[in-house]
Amino acid sequence: MKASKLLASFILLISIPMFLGSSVDAQAVKPQDIMKKKYPKEVITVIKTADINADKKNESFVLTKSGNFYYVDSKGAVALINTGIISDEEYGEDPSIQIYPVSKKEKHVAVTYSFFPSNTQLYVYRLQGRTLKKVLQLMGDQGVKIDPKGRVHQYWKKYREEGGWDPVEGILTWNSKTNTYKGTGQYILQK
């Protein structure tokens, strides 16, 4: 009788890791592996992972060589968010993903890429439900930067009627009450 209890306890102890391992947590699976399984032909160029909604679970953001931008949620579901994000190789910097705080409980995801002659395109997304929603789109022909306070700076050329141009700057700040970016200075938004 004691031997059968000992054997049953031994089998239970051996089985526990197998049972725990059979329930795959998306946090344990790398987003690269999730993408490879779902989109085997995509080549990842940039990947960023962070908890953007303060739920203590990481979300991942992926740019591919083909110019696709994907969102991988904390459960491993993948959504195509945007396409055509390809920098001009000769004149631009590689596409990038930046995650930055806009409040104590929320972070936004910015995707930038460059194209001829020196333009920088910016898309900013926030997590809404189980997907990303675009909340800002702009272009800076002299660049776009996000400062440590989460403000978006748009630098561009304002052309004069008599010829030439002046450098101008617009600064956009997230307003948590209206869930929109509010601009100051001289800025141009895109739809």
N, C-alpha and C. Protein backbone atom coordinates (compact mmCIF):
# COMPACT_ATOMS: atom_id res chain seq x y z
N MET A 1 0.82 -1.19 0.00
CA MET A 1 0.00 0.00 0.00
C MET A 1 0.87 1.26 0.00
N LYS A 2 1.90 1.30 0.85
CA LYS A 2 2.77 2.45 0.93
C LYS A 2 3.53 2.61 -0.38
N ALA A 3 3.91 1.53 -1.01
CA ALA A 3 4.65 1.58 -2.26
C ALA A 3 3.77 2.19 -3.36
N SER A 4 2.49 1.85 -3.40
CA SER A 4 1.60 2.37 -4.43
C SER A 4 1.37 3.88 -4.23
N LYS A 5 1.29 4.34 -2.97
CA LYS A 5 1.15 5.78 -2.70
C LYS A 5 2.42 6.51 -3.11
N LEU A 6 3.56 5.89 -2.82
CA LEU A 6 4.84 6.50 -3.18
C LEU A 6 4.96 6.59 -4.70
N LEU A 7 4.55 5.53 -5.41
CA LEU A 7 4.60 5.53 -6.86
C LEU A 7 3.64 6.58 -7.43
N ALA A 8 2.45 6.70 -6.88
CA ALA A 8 1.47 7.69 -7.33
C ALA A 8 2.00 9.10 -7.11
N SER A 9 2.63 9.36 -5.96
CA SER A 9 3.21 10.67 -5.67
C SER A 9 4.34 10.99 -6.64
N PHE A 10 5.15 9.98 -6.94
CA PHE A 10 6.26 10.16 -7.87
C PHE A 10 5.74 10.52 -9.27
N ILE A 11 4.71 9.79 -9.72
CA ILE A 11 4.13 10.06 -11.04
C ILE A 11 3.52 11.46 -11.08
N LEU A 12 2.87 11.88 -10.01
CA LEU A 12 2.28 13.21 -9.93
C LEU A 12 3.36 14.29 -10.02
N LEU A 13 4.46 14.09 -9.30
CA LEU A 13 5.55 15.07 -9.33
C LEU A 13 6.18 15.18 -10.72
N ILE A 14 6.31 14.08 -11.40
CA ILE A 14 6.87 14.08 -12.74
C ILE A 14 5.90 14.74 -13.72
N SER A 15 4.61 14.56 -13.52
CA SER A 15 3.60 15.07 -14.44
C SER A 15 3.38 16.57 -14.32
N ILE A 16 3.63 17.16 -13.17
CA ILE A 16 3.35 18.59 -12.96
C ILE A 16 4.03 19.47 -14.01
N PRO A 17 5.34 19.31 -14.26
CA PRO A 17 5.95 20.16 -15.29
C PRO A 17 5.32 19.98 -16.67
N MET A 18 4.89 18.75 -17.00
CA MET A 18 4.27 18.51 -18.29
C MET A 18 2.95 19.25 -18.38
N PHE A 19 2.15 19.24 -17.29
CA PHE A 19 0.87 19.95 -17.30
C PHE A 19 1.10 21.45 -17.38
N LEU A 20 2.06 21.96 -16.66
CA LEU A 20 2.35 23.39 -16.68
C LEU A 20 2.86 23.81 -18.05
N GLY A 21 3.65 22.98 -18.66
CA GLY A 21 4.20 23.30 -19.98
C GLY A 21 3.18 23.22 -21.09
N SER A 22 2.10 22.50 -20.91
CA SER A 22 1.12 22.37 -21.97
C SER A 22 0.28 23.63 -22.14
N SER A 23 0.20 24.44 -21.12
CA SER A 23 -0.53 25.70 -21.20
C SER A 23 0.48 26.79 -21.56
N VAL A 24 0.56 27.12 -22.86
CA VAL A 24 1.57 28.07 -23.32
C VAL A 24 1.07 29.49 -23.06
N ASP A 25 1.84 30.23 -22.31
CA ASP A 25 1.55 31.62 -22.03
C ASP A 25 2.19 32.46 -23.12
N ALA A 26 1.45 33.42 -23.68
CA ALA A 26 2.00 34.27 -24.75
C ALA A 26 3.20 35.06 -24.27
N GLN A 27 3.28 35.32 -22.96
CA GLN A 27 4.42 36.05 -22.43
C GLN A 27 5.69 35.21 -22.55
N ALA A 28 5.55 33.87 -22.50
CA ALA A 28 6.71 32.99 -22.57
C ALA A 28 7.16 32.78 -24.02
N VAL A 29 6.24 32.94 -24.97
CA VAL A 29 6.58 32.78 -26.38
C VAL A 29 7.06 34.12 -26.92
N LYS A 30 8.18 34.08 -27.62
CA LYS A 30 8.75 35.31 -28.16
C LYS A 30 7.90 35.81 -29.33
N PRO A 31 7.76 37.13 -29.45
CA PRO A 31 6.98 37.66 -30.58
C PRO A 31 7.59 37.27 -31.92
N GLN A 32 8.92 37.10 -31.98
CA GLN A 32 9.56 36.67 -33.22
C GLN A 32 9.03 35.30 -33.64
N ASP A 33 8.85 34.41 -32.65
CA ASP A 33 8.35 33.07 -32.95
C ASP A 33 6.89 33.11 -33.39
N ILE A 34 6.10 33.98 -32.76
CA ILE A 34 4.69 34.13 -33.14
C ILE A 34 4.60 34.61 -34.58
N MET A 35 5.41 35.63 -34.92
CA MET A 35 5.41 36.17 -36.28
C MET A 35 5.88 35.13 -37.29
N LYS A 36 6.92 34.39 -36.95
CA LYS A 36 7.45 33.38 -37.88
C LYS A 36 6.41 32.31 -38.18
N LYS A 37 5.63 31.95 -37.16
CA LYS A 37 4.61 30.93 -37.35
C LYS A 37 3.45 31.46 -38.20
N LYS A 38 3.02 32.69 -37.93
CA LYS A 38 1.86 33.24 -38.63
C LYS A 38 2.23 33.79 -40.02
N TYR A 39 3.40 34.45 -40.12
CA TYR A 39 3.84 35.05 -41.39
C TYR A 39 5.27 34.60 -41.68
N PRO A 40 5.45 33.37 -42.14
CA PRO A 40 6.81 32.83 -42.31
C PRO A 40 7.66 33.56 -43.35
N LYS A 41 7.05 34.28 -44.30
CA LYS A 41 7.82 34.97 -45.34
C LYS A 41 8.24 36.38 -44.92
N GLU A 42 7.69 36.90 -43.84
CA GLU A 42 8.05 38.24 -43.38
C GLU A 42 9.43 38.22 -42.72
N VAL A 43 10.23 39.25 -43.01
CA VAL A 43 11.55 39.40 -42.38
C VAL A 43 11.46 40.59 -41.43
N ILE A 44 11.66 40.34 -40.16
CA ILE A 44 11.55 41.38 -39.14
C ILE A 44 12.79 42.27 -39.19
N THR A 45 12.56 43.59 -39.24
CA THR A 45 13.67 44.54 -39.21
C THR A 45 13.75 45.26 -37.87
N VAL A 46 12.59 45.52 -37.24
CA VAL A 46 12.55 46.20 -35.94
C VAL A 46 11.46 45.56 -35.11
N ILE A 47 11.78 45.33 -33.84
CA ILE A 47 10.77 44.82 -32.91
C ILE A 47 10.98 45.51 -31.56
N LYS A 48 9.87 45.97 -30.98
CA LYS A 48 9.90 46.60 -29.65
C LYS A 48 8.81 45.94 -28.82
N THR A 49 9.12 45.72 -27.56
CA THR A 49 8.17 45.11 -26.64
C THR A 49 8.09 45.95 -25.38
N ALA A 50 6.86 46.24 -24.94
CA ALA A 50 6.66 47.03 -23.73
C ALA A 50 5.22 46.87 -23.27
N ASP A 51 4.99 47.21 -22.03
CA ASP A 51 3.64 47.27 -21.48
C ASP A 51 3.15 48.70 -21.69
N ILE A 52 2.28 48.91 -22.68
CA ILE A 52 1.87 50.28 -22.99
C ILE A 52 0.58 50.71 -22.31
N ASN A 53 -0.10 49.79 -21.66
CA ASN A 53 -1.36 50.16 -21.00
C ASN A 53 -1.37 49.85 -19.51
N ALA A 54 -0.22 49.64 -18.92
CA ALA A 54 -0.06 49.44 -17.47
C ALA A 54 -0.87 48.26 -16.94
N ASP A 55 -1.01 47.18 -17.74
CA ASP A 55 -1.71 45.99 -17.26
C ASP A 55 -0.74 44.89 -16.83
N LYS A 56 0.56 45.23 -16.79
CA LYS A 56 1.62 44.31 -16.39
C LYS A 56 1.81 43.16 -17.38
N LYS A 57 1.37 43.36 -18.63
CA LYS A 57 1.55 42.39 -19.71
C LYS A 57 2.14 43.13 -20.91
N ASN A 58 3.15 42.53 -21.52
CA ASN A 58 3.83 43.18 -22.64
C ASN A 58 3.09 42.99 -23.95
N GLU A 59 3.10 44.05 -24.74
CA GLU A 59 2.65 44.03 -26.11
C GLU A 59 3.90 44.20 -26.98
N SER A 60 3.84 43.72 -28.22
CA SER A 60 4.98 43.83 -29.11
C SER A 60 4.57 44.53 -30.40
N PHE A 61 5.54 45.21 -31.01
CA PHE A 61 5.32 46.00 -32.21
C PHE A 61 6.42 45.65 -33.19
N VAL A 62 6.03 45.30 -34.40
CA VAL A 62 6.96 44.70 -35.35
C VAL A 62 6.90 45.44 -36.69
N LEU A 63 8.06 45.84 -37.20
CA LEU A 63 8.20 46.34 -38.56
C LEU A 63 8.93 45.30 -39.38
N THR A 64 8.48 45.08 -40.61
CA THR A 64 9.11 44.09 -41.46
C THR A 64 9.76 44.75 -42.67
N LYS A 65 10.60 44.00 -43.33
CA LYS A 65 11.31 44.49 -44.51
C LYS A 65 10.35 44.89 -45.62
N SER A 66 9.20 44.24 -45.68
CA SER A 66 8.21 44.56 -46.71
C SER A 66 7.44 45.84 -46.40
N GLY A 67 7.70 46.46 -45.25
CA GLY A 67 7.03 47.72 -44.89
C GLY A 67 5.77 47.56 -44.08
N ASN A 68 5.52 46.37 -43.57
CA ASN A 68 4.32 46.14 -42.77
C ASN A 68 4.60 46.38 -41.28
N PHE A 69 3.61 46.95 -40.60
CA PHE A 69 3.68 47.21 -39.17
C PHE A 69 2.61 46.36 -38.49
N TYR A 70 3.06 45.50 -37.55
CA TYR A 70 2.17 44.57 -36.86
C TYR A 70 2.13 44.86 -35.36
N TYR A 71 1.00 44.51 -34.78
CA TYR A 71 0.81 44.57 -33.32
C TYR A 71 0.59 43.14 -32.84
N VAL A 72 1.37 42.72 -31.83
CA VAL A 72 1.21 41.39 -31.23
C VAL A 72 0.76 41.63 -29.79
N ASP A 73 -0.48 41.24 -29.47
CA ASP A 73 -0.98 41.52 -28.12
C ASP A 73 -0.41 40.54 -27.10
N SER A 74 -0.74 40.75 -25.85
CA SER A 74 -0.17 39.95 -24.75
C SER A 74 -0.62 38.50 -24.79
N LYS A 75 -1.65 38.19 -25.58
CA LYS A 75 -2.12 36.81 -25.71
C LYS A 75 -1.57 36.12 -26.95
N GLY A 76 -0.77 36.87 -27.74
CA GLY A 76 -0.16 36.28 -28.93
C GLY A 76 -0.93 36.50 -30.22
N ALA A 77 -2.03 37.24 -30.18
CA ALA A 77 -2.78 37.54 -31.40
C ALA A 77 -2.04 38.62 -32.19
N VAL A 78 -2.04 38.48 -33.52
CA VAL A 78 -1.30 39.40 -34.39
C VAL A 78 -2.29 40.18 -35.25
N ALA A 79 -2.06 41.50 -35.37
CA ALA A 79 -2.90 42.34 -36.23
C ALA A 79 -2.00 43.20 -37.11
N LEU A 80 -2.33 43.26 -38.40
CA LEU A 80 -1.65 44.16 -39.32
C LEU A 80 -2.22 45.55 -39.11
N ILE A 81 -1.36 46.52 -38.80
CA ILE A 81 -1.80 47.87 -38.47
C ILE A 81 -1.61 48.83 -39.64
N ASN A 82 -0.48 48.75 -40.34
CA ASN A 82 -0.19 49.68 -41.42
C ASN A 82 0.75 49.02 -42.42
N THR A 83 0.78 49.56 -43.63
CA THR A 83 1.66 49.04 -44.68
C THR A 83 2.42 50.20 -45.33
N GLY A 84 3.41 49.89 -46.12
CA GLY A 84 4.14 50.90 -46.87
C GLY A 84 5.15 51.71 -46.07
N ILE A 85 5.60 51.18 -44.96
CA ILE A 85 6.56 51.88 -44.12
C ILE A 85 7.97 51.45 -44.53
N ILE A 86 8.45 52.10 -45.58
CA ILE A 86 9.76 51.76 -46.13
C ILE A 86 10.52 53.06 -46.34
N SER A 87 11.69 53.15 -45.73
CA SER A 87 12.52 54.35 -45.89
C SER A 87 13.27 54.30 -47.21
N ASP A 88 13.52 55.49 -47.74
CA ASP A 88 14.34 55.63 -48.93
C ASP A 88 15.77 55.28 -48.53
N GLU A 89 16.32 54.21 -49.08
CA GLU A 89 17.63 53.71 -48.66
C GLU A 89 18.74 54.73 -48.83
N GLU A 90 18.69 55.51 -49.92
CA GLU A 90 19.78 56.44 -50.20
C GLU A 90 19.72 57.69 -49.32
N TYR A 91 18.50 58.16 -49.00
CA TYR A 91 18.37 59.44 -48.32
C TYR A 91 17.85 59.36 -46.89
N GLY A 92 17.30 58.26 -46.49
CA GLY A 92 16.63 58.23 -45.21
C GLY A 92 17.25 57.30 -44.20
N GLU A 93 16.80 57.47 -42.99
CA GLU A 93 17.18 56.55 -41.92
C GLU A 93 16.24 55.36 -41.97
N ASP A 94 16.67 54.26 -41.36
CA ASP A 94 15.82 53.08 -41.31
C ASP A 94 14.54 53.38 -40.53
N PRO A 95 13.44 52.71 -40.87
CA PRO A 95 12.22 52.89 -40.09
C PRO A 95 12.49 52.57 -38.61
N SER A 96 11.75 53.22 -37.74
CA SER A 96 11.96 52.99 -36.31
C SER A 96 10.63 52.96 -35.57
N ILE A 97 10.69 52.35 -34.40
CA ILE A 97 9.55 52.31 -33.48
C ILE A 97 10.02 52.93 -32.18
N GLN A 98 9.24 53.85 -31.66
CA GLN A 98 9.56 54.46 -30.38
C GLN A 98 8.33 54.36 -29.48
N ILE A 99 8.55 53.92 -28.26
CA ILE A 99 7.48 53.82 -27.27
C ILE A 99 7.76 54.87 -26.21
N TYR A 100 6.76 55.71 -25.91
CA TYR A 100 7.00 56.80 -24.98
C TYR A 100 5.75 57.06 -24.12
N PRO A 101 5.96 57.53 -22.89
CA PRO A 101 4.81 57.78 -22.01
C PRO A 101 4.12 59.11 -22.35
N VAL A 102 2.79 59.09 -22.31
CA VAL A 102 2.02 60.32 -22.46
C VAL A 102 1.25 60.64 -21.18
N SER A 103 1.18 59.67 -20.27
CA SER A 103 0.60 59.86 -18.94
C SER A 103 1.16 58.76 -18.04
N LYS A 104 0.76 58.76 -16.79
CA LYS A 104 1.25 57.74 -15.86
C LYS A 104 0.74 56.35 -16.21
N LYS A 105 -0.40 56.27 -16.89
CA LYS A 105 -1.00 54.97 -17.19
C LYS A 105 -0.99 54.59 -18.67
N GLU A 106 -0.43 55.45 -19.51
CA GLU A 106 -0.52 55.17 -20.94
C GLU A 106 0.77 55.54 -21.66
N LYS A 107 1.12 54.69 -22.63
CA LYS A 107 2.24 54.94 -23.52
C LYS A 107 1.72 54.89 -24.95
N HIS A 108 2.37 55.64 -25.82
CA HIS A 108 2.03 55.60 -27.24
C HIS A 108 3.18 54.97 -28.02
N VAL A 109 2.85 54.51 -29.21
CA VAL A 109 3.82 53.88 -30.09
C VAL A 109 3.95 54.75 -31.34
N ALA A 110 5.16 55.21 -31.62
CA ALA A 110 5.41 56.03 -32.80
C ALA A 110 6.24 55.23 -33.80
N VAL A 111 5.84 55.31 -35.05
CA VAL A 111 6.57 54.69 -36.15
C VAL A 111 7.02 55.82 -37.06
N THR A 112 8.32 55.86 -37.37
CA THR A 112 8.84 56.89 -38.28
C THR A 112 9.64 56.24 -39.39
N TYR A 113 9.63 56.91 -40.53
CA TYR A 113 10.49 56.50 -41.64
C TYR A 113 10.78 57.72 -42.49
N SER A 114 11.83 57.65 -43.27
CA SER A 114 12.29 58.79 -44.06
C SER A 114 12.18 58.51 -45.55
N PHE A 115 12.02 59.61 -46.31
CA PHE A 115 12.00 59.49 -47.76
C PHE A 115 12.54 60.77 -48.38
N PHE A 116 12.88 60.72 -49.67
CA PHE A 116 13.53 61.80 -50.39
C PHE A 116 12.72 63.09 -50.31
N PRO A 117 13.35 64.27 -50.19
CA PRO A 117 14.79 64.44 -50.03
C PRO A 117 15.24 64.33 -48.58
N SER A 118 14.42 64.81 -47.63
CA SER A 118 14.80 64.68 -46.21
C SER A 118 13.57 64.61 -45.33
N ASN A 119 12.49 64.12 -45.87
CA ASN A 119 11.22 64.11 -45.14
C ASN A 119 11.15 62.95 -44.16
N THR A 120 10.51 63.20 -43.02
CA THR A 120 10.26 62.16 -42.03
C THR A 120 8.76 62.04 -41.82
N GLN A 121 8.24 60.83 -42.03
CA GLN A 121 6.82 60.55 -41.82
C GLN A 121 6.66 59.94 -40.43
N LEU A 122 5.62 60.37 -39.70
CA LEU A 122 5.37 59.87 -38.35
C LEU A 122 3.93 59.41 -38.24
N TYR A 123 3.74 58.22 -37.66
CA TYR A 123 2.43 57.72 -37.27
C TYR A 123 2.50 57.44 -35.78
N VAL A 124 1.50 57.89 -35.02
CA VAL A 124 1.45 57.61 -33.58
C VAL A 124 0.17 56.83 -33.31
N TYR A 125 0.32 55.76 -32.50
CA TYR A 125 -0.80 54.88 -32.18
C TYR A 125 -0.97 54.78 -30.67
N ARG A 126 -2.22 54.53 -30.27
CA ARG A 126 -2.51 54.21 -28.87
C ARG A 126 -3.32 52.92 -28.85
N LEU A 127 -3.18 52.18 -27.76
CA LEU A 127 -3.92 50.93 -27.62
C LEU A 127 -5.36 51.27 -27.29
N GLN A 128 -6.27 50.73 -28.10
CA GLN A 128 -7.70 50.92 -27.86
C GLN A 128 -8.37 49.58 -28.09
N GLY A 129 -8.91 49.02 -27.03
CA GLY A 129 -9.47 47.68 -27.12
C GLY A 129 -8.35 46.68 -27.35
N ARG A 130 -8.48 45.88 -28.39
CA ARG A 130 -7.46 44.86 -28.70
C ARG A 130 -6.65 45.21 -29.93
N THR A 131 -6.63 46.49 -30.29
CA THR A 131 -5.85 46.90 -31.46
C THR A 131 -5.24 48.27 -31.23
N LEU A 132 -4.47 48.73 -32.19
CA LEU A 132 -3.88 50.06 -32.14
C LEU A 132 -4.70 51.00 -33.00
N LYS A 133 -4.94 52.20 -32.48
CA LYS A 133 -5.66 53.23 -33.22
C LYS A 133 -4.71 54.38 -33.50
N LYS A 134 -4.68 54.83 -34.76
CA LYS A 134 -3.81 55.95 -35.12
C LYS A 134 -4.41 57.23 -34.53
N VAL A 135 -3.59 57.97 -33.76
CA VAL A 135 -4.04 59.20 -33.14
C VAL A 135 -3.30 60.43 -33.66
N LEU A 136 -2.26 60.22 -34.44
CA LEU A 136 -1.51 61.35 -35.00
C LEU A 136 -0.77 60.89 -36.24
N GLN A 137 -0.80 61.73 -37.27
CA GLN A 137 -0.02 61.48 -38.48
C GLN A 137 0.50 62.83 -38.95
N LEU A 138 1.80 62.92 -39.18
CA LEU A 138 2.37 64.16 -39.69
C LEU A 138 3.68 63.87 -40.39
N MET A 139 4.14 64.90 -41.12
CA MET A 139 5.39 64.80 -41.85
C MET A 139 6.20 66.04 -41.52
N GLY A 140 7.48 65.86 -41.32
CA GLY A 140 8.38 66.98 -41.11
C GLY A 140 9.45 66.95 -42.17
N ASP A 141 9.49 67.99 -43.03
CA ASP A 141 10.52 67.96 -44.07
C ASP A 141 11.89 68.33 -43.53
N GLN A 142 11.95 68.70 -42.27
CA GLN A 142 13.23 68.92 -41.59
C GLN A 142 13.39 67.97 -40.40
N GLY A 143 12.44 67.07 -40.23
CA GLY A 143 12.55 66.05 -39.19
C GLY A 143 11.39 66.07 -38.21
N VAL A 144 11.32 65.01 -37.44
CA VAL A 144 10.33 64.84 -36.38
C VAL A 144 11.05 64.21 -35.21
N LYS A 145 10.82 64.72 -34.02
CA LYS A 145 11.45 64.18 -32.81
C LYS A 145 10.41 64.08 -31.69
N ILE A 146 10.62 63.14 -30.80
CA ILE A 146 9.80 63.02 -29.60
C ILE A 146 10.72 63.25 -28.42
N ASP A 147 10.37 64.23 -27.59
CA ASP A 147 11.24 64.56 -26.47
C ASP A 147 10.94 63.68 -25.26
N PRO A 148 11.77 63.74 -24.20
CA PRO A 148 11.57 62.88 -23.03
C PRO A 148 10.23 63.09 -22.30
N LYS A 149 9.57 64.22 -22.53
CA LYS A 149 8.27 64.49 -21.90
C LYS A 149 7.12 63.97 -22.76
N GLY A 150 7.41 63.32 -23.88
CA GLY A 150 6.37 62.76 -24.74
C GLY A 150 5.76 63.77 -25.70
N ARG A 151 6.42 64.90 -25.91
CA ARG A 151 5.92 65.89 -26.86
C ARG A 151 6.52 65.60 -28.23
N VAL A 152 5.70 65.74 -29.26
CA VAL A 152 6.13 65.50 -30.63
C VAL A 152 6.50 66.85 -31.25
N HIS A 153 7.72 66.93 -31.78
CA HIS A 153 8.21 68.15 -32.42
C HIS A 153 8.28 67.92 -33.92
N GLN A 154 7.60 68.78 -34.66
CA GLN A 154 7.59 68.73 -36.12
C GLN A 154 8.41 69.91 -36.64
N TYR A 155 9.43 69.62 -37.42
CA TYR A 155 10.28 70.67 -37.99
C TYR A 155 10.05 70.69 -39.50
N TRP A 156 9.78 71.88 -40.04
CA TRP A 156 9.51 71.96 -41.47
C TRP A 156 9.89 73.33 -42.02
N LYS A 157 9.84 73.43 -43.36
CA LYS A 157 10.19 74.67 -44.05
C LYS A 157 8.91 75.43 -44.41
N LYS A 158 8.83 76.67 -43.97
CA LYS A 158 7.71 77.53 -44.37
C LYS A 158 8.25 78.45 -45.46
N TYR A 159 7.77 78.23 -46.68
CA TYR A 159 8.27 78.97 -47.83
C TYR A 159 7.72 80.39 -47.85
N ARG A 160 8.60 81.35 -48.21
CA ARG A 160 8.22 82.76 -48.34
C ARG A 160 7.73 83.01 -49.76
N GLU A 161 6.82 83.97 -49.91
CA GLU A 161 6.31 84.33 -51.24
C GLU A 161 7.43 84.86 -52.13
N GLU A 162 8.37 85.59 -51.53
CA GLU A 162 9.45 86.19 -52.31
C GLU A 162 10.59 85.20 -52.57
N GLY A 163 10.46 84.01 -52.11
CA GLY A 163 11.50 83.00 -52.29
C GLY A 163 12.19 82.67 -50.98
N GLY A 164 12.80 81.54 -50.93
CA GLY A 164 13.45 81.09 -49.70
C GLY A 164 12.45 80.50 -48.72
N TRP A 165 12.93 80.18 -47.56
CA TRP A 165 12.06 79.58 -46.55
C TRP A 165 12.61 79.86 -45.16
N ASP A 166 11.73 79.71 -44.17
CA ASP A 166 12.10 79.87 -42.76
C ASP A 166 11.87 78.54 -42.05
N PRO A 167 12.78 78.18 -41.14
CA PRO A 167 12.53 76.96 -40.36
C PRO A 167 11.45 77.24 -39.30
N VAL A 168 10.49 76.32 -39.20
CA VAL A 168 9.42 76.47 -38.20
C VAL A 168 9.26 75.16 -37.45
N GLU A 169 8.63 75.28 -36.29
CA GLU A 169 8.44 74.12 -35.42
C GLU A 169 7.03 74.12 -34.87
N GLY A 170 6.43 72.95 -34.87
CA GLY A 170 5.16 72.74 -34.20
C GLY A 170 5.39 71.71 -33.11
N ILE A 171 4.74 71.90 -31.96
CA ILE A 171 4.86 70.95 -30.85
C ILE A 171 3.48 70.42 -30.53
N LEU A 172 3.36 69.11 -30.49
CA LEU A 172 2.07 68.47 -30.22
C LEU A 172 2.16 67.67 -28.93
N THR A 173 1.19 67.89 -28.05
CA THR A 173 1.16 67.27 -26.73
C THR A 173 -0.15 66.51 -26.57
N TRP A 174 -0.08 65.32 -25.98
CA TRP A 174 -1.26 64.49 -25.76
C TRP A 174 -2.15 65.10 -24.68
N ASN A 175 -3.45 65.17 -24.97
CA ASN A 175 -4.44 65.64 -24.00
C ASN A 175 -5.27 64.43 -23.58
N SER A 176 -5.09 63.97 -22.35
CA SER A 176 -5.77 62.77 -21.86
C SER A 176 -7.28 62.95 -21.71
N LYS A 177 -7.74 64.18 -21.56
CA LYS A 177 -9.18 64.43 -21.41
C LYS A 177 -9.92 64.28 -22.74
N THR A 178 -9.31 64.76 -23.82
CA THR A 178 -9.96 64.69 -25.14
C THR A 178 -9.43 63.54 -25.99
N ASN A 179 -8.39 62.86 -25.50
CA ASN A 179 -7.75 61.77 -26.25
C ASN A 179 -7.32 62.21 -27.65
N THR A 180 -6.71 63.40 -27.71
CA THR A 180 -6.17 63.92 -28.96
C THR A 180 -4.87 64.65 -28.66
N TYR A 181 -4.09 64.87 -29.73
CA TYR A 181 -2.90 65.69 -29.61
C TYR A 181 -3.29 67.14 -29.86
N LYS A 182 -2.80 68.02 -29.00
CA LYS A 182 -3.05 69.45 -29.14
C LYS A 182 -1.75 70.10 -29.58
N GLY A 183 -1.84 70.96 -30.61
CA GLY A 183 -0.65 71.57 -31.16
C GLY A 183 -0.43 73.00 -30.72
N THR A 184 0.84 73.38 -30.65
CA THR A 184 1.23 74.77 -30.45
C THR A 184 2.33 75.08 -31.45
N GLY A 185 2.57 76.36 -31.67
CA GLY A 185 3.55 76.74 -32.68
C GLY A 185 2.94 76.60 -34.06
N GLN A 186 3.75 76.34 -35.05
CA GLN A 186 3.26 76.16 -36.42
C GLN A 186 3.41 74.70 -36.80
N TYR A 187 2.29 74.05 -36.99
CA TYR A 187 2.30 72.62 -37.29
C TYR A 187 1.30 72.31 -38.40
N ILE A 188 1.54 71.19 -39.06
CA ILE A 188 0.65 70.73 -40.13
C ILE A 188 0.34 69.27 -39.86
N LEU A 189 -0.93 68.95 -39.68
CA LEU A 189 -1.35 67.58 -39.45
C LEU A 189 -1.82 66.95 -40.76
N GLN A 190 -1.73 65.64 -40.82
CA GLN A 190 -2.24 64.90 -41.98
C GLN A 190 -3.40 64.05 -41.52
N LYS A 191 -4.27 63.71 -42.42
CA LYS A 191 -5.41 62.86 -42.08
C LYS A 191 -5.11 61.43 -42.40
